[in-house]
């Protein structure tokens, strides 16, 4: 499956993605996102992880206001 970067605070999203068979990487800095197919951010911080430029080629999904189920569906949609 895909390699998904997920912010540290989104533990329910991490667990749901791992159950689906994805490799989940905890995003602590911009280097963690470098080789991810998709990243999920909390949306709480405008400049997530101190990044002002995009460091991944994949999609970035803002989890703010969404359930873990909705986010996993968005991830799967982006990966198809």
Protein backbone atom coordinates (compact mmCIF):
# COMPACT_ATOMS: atom_id res chain seq x y z
CA UNK A 1 0.00 0.00 0.00
CA UNK A 2 0.95 3.65 0.14
CA UNK A 3 3.25 5.56 2.47
CA UNK A 4 1.15 8.14 4.32
CA UNK A 5 2.50 10.93 6.52
CA UNK A 6 0.23 11.84 9.44
CA UNK A 7 0.68 14.56 12.05
CA UNK A 8 1.43 13.29 15.56
CA UNK A 9 -1.87 14.45 17.06
CA UNK A 10 -4.04 12.43 14.65
CA UNK A 11 -3.72 9.05 16.37
CA UNK A 12 -7.18 7.82 15.32
CA UNK A 13 -6.34 8.55 11.68
CA UNK A 14 -2.96 6.78 12.01
CA UNK A 15 -4.63 3.67 13.43
CA UNK A 16 -7.33 3.60 10.74
CA UNK A 17 -4.77 3.93 7.94
CA UNK A 18 -2.54 1.21 9.43
CA UNK A 19 -5.55 -1.12 9.68
CA UNK A 20 -6.06 -0.58 5.94
CA UNK A 21 -2.48 -1.72 5.32
CA UNK A 22 -0.84 1.66 4.64
CA UNK A 23 2.64 2.47 5.90
CA UNK A 24 2.14 5.40 8.28
CA UNK A 25 4.94 7.89 9.01
CA UNK A 26 4.64 10.39 11.86
CA UNK A 27 5.21 13.91 10.57
CA UNK A 28 7.52 15.80 12.92
CA UNK A 29 9.38 17.94 10.37
CA UNK A 30 9.51 18.57 6.64
CA UNK A 31 12.02 15.75 6.06
CA UNK A 32 9.44 13.21 7.27
CA UNK A 33 7.11 14.20 4.43
CA UNK A 34 9.71 13.93 1.68
CA UNK A 35 8.92 10.40 0.50
CA UNK A 36 5.21 10.15 1.34
CA UNK A 37 2.52 9.50 -1.25
CA UNK A 38 0.07 11.60 0.75
CA UNK A 39 0.12 13.63 3.99
CA UNK A 40 -2.65 14.29 6.51
CA UNK A 41 -2.36 17.44 8.59
CA UNK A 42 -4.46 18.64 11.52
CA UNK A 43 -5.09 22.07 10.04
CA UNK A 44 -4.52 23.68 13.44
CA UNK A 45 -1.36 25.42 12.31
CA UNK A 46 -1.30 27.51 9.14
CA UNK A 47 2.41 26.83 8.59
CA UNK A 48 2.43 23.13 9.46
CA UNK A 49 5.69 21.81 10.90
CA UNK A 50 7.43 25.07 10.01
CA UNK A 51 7.14 24.33 6.30
CA UNK A 52 6.48 27.31 4.07
CA UNK A 53 6.98 25.39 0.85
CA UNK A 54 5.62 22.06 -0.29
CA UNK A 55 8.15 19.30 0.19
CA UNK A 56 6.13 16.38 -1.20
CA UNK A 57 4.82 15.54 -4.63
CA UNK A 58 1.70 13.84 -3.23
CA UNK A 59 -1.55 15.27 -1.91
CA UNK A 60 -1.97 17.06 1.40
CA UNK A 61 -5.26 16.48 3.21
CA UNK A 62 -6.49 18.83 5.93
CA UNK A 63 -8.18 16.73 8.63
CA UNK A 64 -9.80 19.65 10.43
CA UNK A 65 -13.53 19.00 10.95
CA UNK A 66 -13.47 15.45 9.51
CA UNK A 67 -13.82 12.04 11.12
CA UNK A 68 -11.12 9.37 10.81
CA UNK A 69 -13.39 7.42 8.44
CA UNK A 70 -13.87 10.45 6.20
CA UNK A 71 -10.13 11.13 6.14
CA UNK A 72 -9.26 7.54 5.22
CA UNK A 73 -11.76 7.74 2.36
CA UNK A 74 -10.15 11.01 1.17
CA UNK A 75 -6.71 9.38 1.30
CA UNK A 76 -7.90 6.40 -0.73
CA UNK A 77 -9.59 8.70 -3.26
CA UNK A 78 -6.36 10.70 -3.69
CA UNK A 79 -4.30 7.56 -4.16
CA UNK A 80 -6.46 6.16 -6.96
